[in-house]
N, C-alpha and C. Protein backbone atom coordinates (compact mmCIF):
# COMPACT_ATOMS: atom_id res chain seq x y z
N UNK A 1 -49.60 50.00 -77.77
CA UNK A 1 -49.04 48.79 -76.80
C UNK A 1 -47.45 49.10 -76.35
N UNK A 2 -48.19 48.67 -75.25
CA UNK A 2 -46.57 47.50 -74.49
C UNK A 2 -46.22 46.19 -74.73
N UNK A 3 -44.87 46.00 -75.53
CA UNK A 3 -44.52 44.73 -75.35
C UNK A 3 -43.42 44.63 -74.47
N UNK A 4 -43.52 43.35 -73.88
CA UNK A 4 -42.23 43.39 -72.58
C UNK A 4 -41.95 42.32 -73.54
N UNK A 5 -40.23 41.74 -74.24
CA UNK A 5 -39.37 40.92 -73.77
C UNK A 5 -39.16 40.57 -73.08
N UNK A 6 -39.04 39.05 -72.73
CA UNK A 6 -38.27 38.49 -71.44
C UNK A 6 -37.22 37.64 -72.02
N UNK A 7 -36.11 37.62 -71.19
CA UNK A 7 -34.66 37.00 -71.74
C UNK A 7 -34.38 35.67 -71.01
N UNK A 8 -34.15 34.89 -71.10
CA UNK A 8 -33.34 34.54 -69.43
C UNK A 8 -32.56 33.03 -70.04
N UNK A 9 -31.33 33.17 -69.39
CA UNK A 9 -30.91 32.62 -69.80
C UNK A 9 -29.54 31.35 -68.33
N UNK A 10 -28.97 30.75 -68.65
CA UNK A 10 -28.25 30.05 -67.02
C UNK A 10 -27.19 29.40 -67.69
N UNK A 11 -26.33 30.34 -66.54
CA UNK A 11 -24.59 30.17 -66.98
C UNK A 11 -23.86 28.47 -66.56
N UNK A 12 -23.30 28.23 -67.84
CA UNK A 12 -22.42 27.71 -66.58
C UNK A 12 -21.91 27.47 -65.94
N UNK A 13 -22.38 26.55 -64.35
CA UNK A 13 -22.19 26.12 -63.32
C UNK A 13 -20.77 27.19 -62.80
N UNK A 14 -20.62 28.35 -61.90
CA UNK A 14 -19.57 29.42 -61.24
C UNK A 14 -19.68 30.17 -62.15
N UNK A 15 -20.57 30.62 -63.38
CA UNK A 15 -19.80 31.83 -64.41
C UNK A 15 -20.92 33.14 -64.09
N UNK A 16 -22.15 32.45 -63.44
CA UNK A 16 -23.17 33.40 -62.98
C UNK A 16 -23.12 34.89 -62.81
N UNK A 17 -22.08 35.24 -62.49
CA UNK A 17 -21.25 36.81 -62.65
C UNK A 17 -20.87 37.06 -63.73
N UNK A 18 -20.07 36.76 -64.24
CA UNK A 18 -19.83 36.98 -66.00
C UNK A 18 -21.25 36.80 -67.27
N UNK A 19 -22.01 35.99 -66.59
CA UNK A 19 -23.35 35.47 -67.51
C UNK A 19 -24.13 37.23 -67.12
N UNK A 20 -24.00 37.53 -66.12
CA UNK A 20 -24.99 38.98 -65.49
C UNK A 20 -24.35 39.80 -65.80
N UNK A 21 -23.01 39.98 -65.88
CA UNK A 21 -22.30 41.33 -65.89
C UNK A 21 -22.88 41.51 -67.82
N UNK A 22 -22.93 40.17 -68.13
CA UNK A 22 -22.95 40.53 -70.32
C UNK A 22 -23.79 40.81 -70.47
N UNK A 23 -25.09 40.02 -70.04
CA UNK A 23 -26.18 41.17 -69.92
C UNK A 23 -26.50 41.96 -69.12
N UNK A 24 -25.90 42.87 -68.62
CA UNK A 24 -26.29 44.40 -68.31
C UNK A 24 -25.50 44.71 -69.66
N UNK A 25 -24.05 44.32 -70.03
CA UNK A 25 -23.80 45.30 -70.64
C UNK A 25 -24.28 45.36 -72.24
N UNK A 26 -25.18 44.85 -71.92
CA UNK A 26 -25.59 44.28 -73.17
C UNK A 26 -27.15 45.06 -73.31
N UNK A 27 -27.73 44.54 -72.45
CA UNK A 27 -29.16 45.35 -71.97
C UNK A 27 -29.12 47.15 -72.17
N UNK A 28 -27.72 47.36 -72.52
CA UNK A 28 -27.49 48.75 -72.18
C UNK A 28 -27.29 49.42 -73.60
N UNK A 29 -27.17 48.46 -74.37
CA UNK A 29 -26.63 48.70 -75.20
C UNK A 29 -26.91 48.52 -76.74
N UNK A 30 -28.68 49.10 -76.83
CA UNK A 30 -29.93 48.18 -77.51
C UNK A 30 -29.15 49.16 -78.23
N UNK A 31 -30.06 48.72 -79.92
CA UNK A 31 -29.73 49.50 -81.31
C UNK A 31 -31.39 50.69 -80.91
N UNK A 32 -31.95 50.28 -79.92
CA UNK A 32 -32.70 51.38 -79.63
C UNK A 32 -33.16 50.99 -77.81
N UNK A 33 -33.40 52.69 -77.29
CA UNK A 33 -33.67 52.51 -75.48
C UNK A 33 -34.73 52.38 -75.36
N UNK A 34 -35.48 51.63 -74.55
CA UNK A 34 -36.81 51.20 -74.00
C UNK A 34 -37.24 51.87 -73.57
N UNK A 35 -38.68 51.64 -73.39
CA UNK A 35 -39.26 52.17 -72.61
C UNK A 35 -38.54 51.97 -70.69
N UNK A 36 -38.55 50.83 -70.58
CA UNK A 36 -37.48 50.47 -69.17
C UNK A 36 -36.92 49.22 -69.37
N UNK A 37 -36.35 49.23 -68.45
CA UNK A 37 -35.30 47.58 -68.51
C UNK A 37 -34.87 47.34 -67.09
N UNK A 38 -34.79 46.01 -66.44
CA UNK A 38 -34.29 45.47 -65.38
C UNK A 38 -33.29 44.42 -66.21
N UNK A 39 -33.27 43.85 -65.34
CA UNK A 39 -32.41 42.87 -65.44
C UNK A 39 -32.06 41.90 -63.75
N UNK A 40 -32.19 40.56 -64.17
CA UNK A 40 -32.11 40.22 -62.65
C UNK A 40 -31.66 38.72 -62.96
N UNK A 41 -31.49 38.08 -61.32
CA UNK A 41 -30.60 36.95 -60.92
C UNK A 41 -30.56 36.11 -59.75
N UNK A 42 -30.80 34.91 -60.51
CA UNK A 42 -31.55 33.81 -59.85
C UNK A 42 -30.39 32.83 -59.67
N UNK A 43 -31.20 31.74 -58.46
CA UNK A 43 -30.38 30.68 -58.15
C UNK A 43 -30.32 29.64 -59.26
N UNK A 44 -28.98 28.88 -59.28
CA UNK A 44 -28.28 28.53 -60.47
C UNK A 44 -27.62 29.04 -61.53
N UNK A 45 -27.60 30.16 -61.38
CA UNK A 45 -26.60 30.73 -61.58
C UNK A 45 -27.66 31.11 -63.53
N UNK A 46 -28.85 31.59 -63.22
CA UNK A 46 -29.50 31.86 -64.29
C UNK A 46 -29.82 33.64 -63.91
N UNK A 47 -30.02 34.14 -65.54
CA UNK A 47 -30.21 35.59 -65.26
C UNK A 47 -31.56 35.79 -66.10
N UNK A 48 -32.11 37.16 -65.74
CA UNK A 48 -33.54 37.46 -66.78
C UNK A 48 -33.00 38.88 -67.11
N UNK A 49 -33.36 39.14 -67.92
CA UNK A 49 -33.34 40.82 -68.41
C UNK A 49 -34.77 40.72 -69.33
N UNK A 50 -35.87 41.50 -68.74
CA UNK A 50 -37.16 42.08 -68.91
C UNK A 50 -36.28 43.62 -69.79
N UNK A 51 -37.20 44.16 -70.62
CA UNK A 51 -36.93 45.39 -71.37
C UNK A 51 -38.65 45.72 -72.04
N UNK A 52 -38.88 47.01 -72.02
CA UNK A 52 -40.36 47.15 -72.01
C UNK A 52 -40.27 48.32 -73.15
N UNK A 53 -40.97 47.77 -74.30
CA UNK A 53 -41.31 48.74 -75.83
C UNK A 53 -42.66 49.58 -76.21
N UNK A 54 -43.14 50.39 -76.16
CA UNK A 54 -44.00 50.44 -77.22
C UNK A 54 -43.84 50.05 -78.59
N UNK A 55 -45.41 49.62 -78.73
CA UNK A 55 -45.10 49.09 -80.05
C UNK A 55 -46.24 49.20 -81.12
N UNK A 56 -46.48 49.20 -82.04
CA UNK A 56 -47.40 48.27 -83.19
C UNK A 56 -48.06 47.07 -82.66
N UNK A 57 -47.64 46.47 -82.75
CA UNK A 57 -47.87 44.59 -82.12
C UNK A 57 -47.62 44.06 -81.83
N UNK A 58 -47.93 42.68 -81.58
CA UNK A 58 -46.75 41.64 -80.10
C UNK A 58 -45.71 41.47 -80.93
N UNK A 59 -45.68 40.85 -82.37
CA UNK A 59 -44.85 40.31 -82.95
C UNK A 59 -44.01 41.48 -84.31
N UNK A 60 -44.17 43.12 -83.17
CA UNK A 60 -43.18 44.13 -84.05
C UNK A 60 -41.86 44.26 -83.45
N UNK A 61 -40.88 44.30 -84.84
CA UNK A 61 -39.14 44.37 -84.91
C UNK A 61 -38.73 45.15 -83.19
N UNK A 62 -38.23 44.49 -82.56
CA UNK A 62 -37.64 45.20 -81.60
C UNK A 62 -35.97 44.03 -81.64
N UNK A 63 -35.33 45.29 -81.21
CA UNK A 63 -33.93 45.54 -80.49
C UNK A 63 -34.08 43.82 -79.58
N UNK A 64 -33.11 42.81 -79.51
CA UNK A 64 -33.41 41.87 -78.44
C UNK A 64 -31.73 41.52 -77.91
N UNK A 65 -31.75 41.25 -77.22
CA UNK A 65 -30.21 40.79 -76.49
C UNK A 65 -30.14 39.39 -77.52
N UNK A 66 -28.51 39.23 -77.88
CA UNK A 66 -28.31 38.48 -78.94
C UNK A 66 -28.32 36.89 -78.18
N UNK A 67 -27.65 35.61 -78.70
CA UNK A 67 -27.33 34.56 -77.64
C UNK A 67 -25.45 34.85 -77.43
N UNK A 68 -25.25 34.94 -75.97
CA UNK A 68 -24.54 34.53 -75.51
C UNK A 68 -23.53 33.25 -75.74
N UNK A 69 -22.30 33.71 -76.09
CA UNK A 69 -21.08 32.22 -76.25
C UNK A 69 -21.42 31.02 -75.49
N UNK A 70 -21.47 30.14 -76.51
CA UNK A 70 -22.02 28.87 -76.01
C UNK A 70 -20.88 28.16 -74.89
N UNK A 71 -19.91 28.76 -74.54
CA UNK A 71 -19.41 27.90 -73.92
C UNK A 71 -19.38 28.36 -72.19
N UNK A 72 -20.73 29.67 -71.76
CA UNK A 72 -20.88 30.99 -71.17
C UNK A 72 -22.70 30.30 -70.29
N UNK A 73 -22.85 28.96 -71.51
CA UNK A 73 -24.49 28.95 -71.20
C UNK A 73 -24.82 27.44 -71.06
N UNK A 74 -25.68 27.14 -70.68
CA UNK A 74 -25.66 25.29 -70.72
C UNK A 74 -27.07 25.01 -71.46
N UNK A 75 -27.49 25.90 -71.80
CA UNK A 75 -28.80 25.97 -72.89
C UNK A 75 -29.18 26.80 -73.06
N UNK A 76 -29.76 27.09 -74.79
CA UNK A 76 -30.13 27.54 -75.68
C UNK A 76 -30.83 28.77 -74.37
N UNK A 77 -30.63 29.93 -75.08
CA UNK A 77 -31.51 30.94 -74.29
C UNK A 77 -33.06 31.43 -74.34
N UNK A 78 -33.49 31.69 -73.53
CA UNK A 78 -35.32 31.28 -73.80
C UNK A 78 -36.01 32.71 -73.49
N UNK A 79 -36.67 32.89 -75.06
CA UNK A 79 -37.21 34.27 -74.84
C UNK A 79 -38.28 34.30 -74.78
N UNK A 80 -38.93 35.90 -74.59
CA UNK A 80 -40.94 35.21 -74.64
C UNK A 80 -40.97 35.97 -74.73
N UNK A 81 -42.25 37.09 -75.42
CA UNK A 81 -43.14 38.19 -75.18
C UNK A 81 -44.64 38.24 -75.35
N UNK A 82 -44.12 39.21 -74.17
CA UNK A 82 -45.45 39.39 -73.67
C UNK A 82 -46.36 40.83 -73.31
N UNK A 83 -47.57 40.79 -73.67
CA UNK A 83 -48.53 42.35 -74.02
C UNK A 83 -49.11 42.58 -72.95
N UNK A 84 -48.90 43.67 -72.83
CA UNK A 84 -49.51 44.60 -70.75
C UNK A 84 -50.86 44.83 -71.10
N UNK A 85 -51.54 44.21 -70.05
CA UNK A 85 -53.13 44.74 -70.33
C UNK A 85 -53.36 44.89 -69.17
N UNK A 86 -54.99 45.42 -68.68
CA UNK A 86 -55.10 45.99 -67.73
C UNK A 86 -55.92 45.35 -66.60
């Protein structure tokens, strides 16, 4: 099974580049190497990280990015898990 983890955060206004660099660095040093990873940015200083994993189940124990420092973000991180379908 292929599981995709989605991590999305919104930076405090004007700190989008800092959040982007924090997420990029964190995505490179996960406890294990994902099958694939991509980092995106969006309007309103949002940052999105997607990682793809081979796993036994959707709720498998997988490395995830932590919460950034609270002073860097406007709200708690949003996290979702998706299962690839054909």
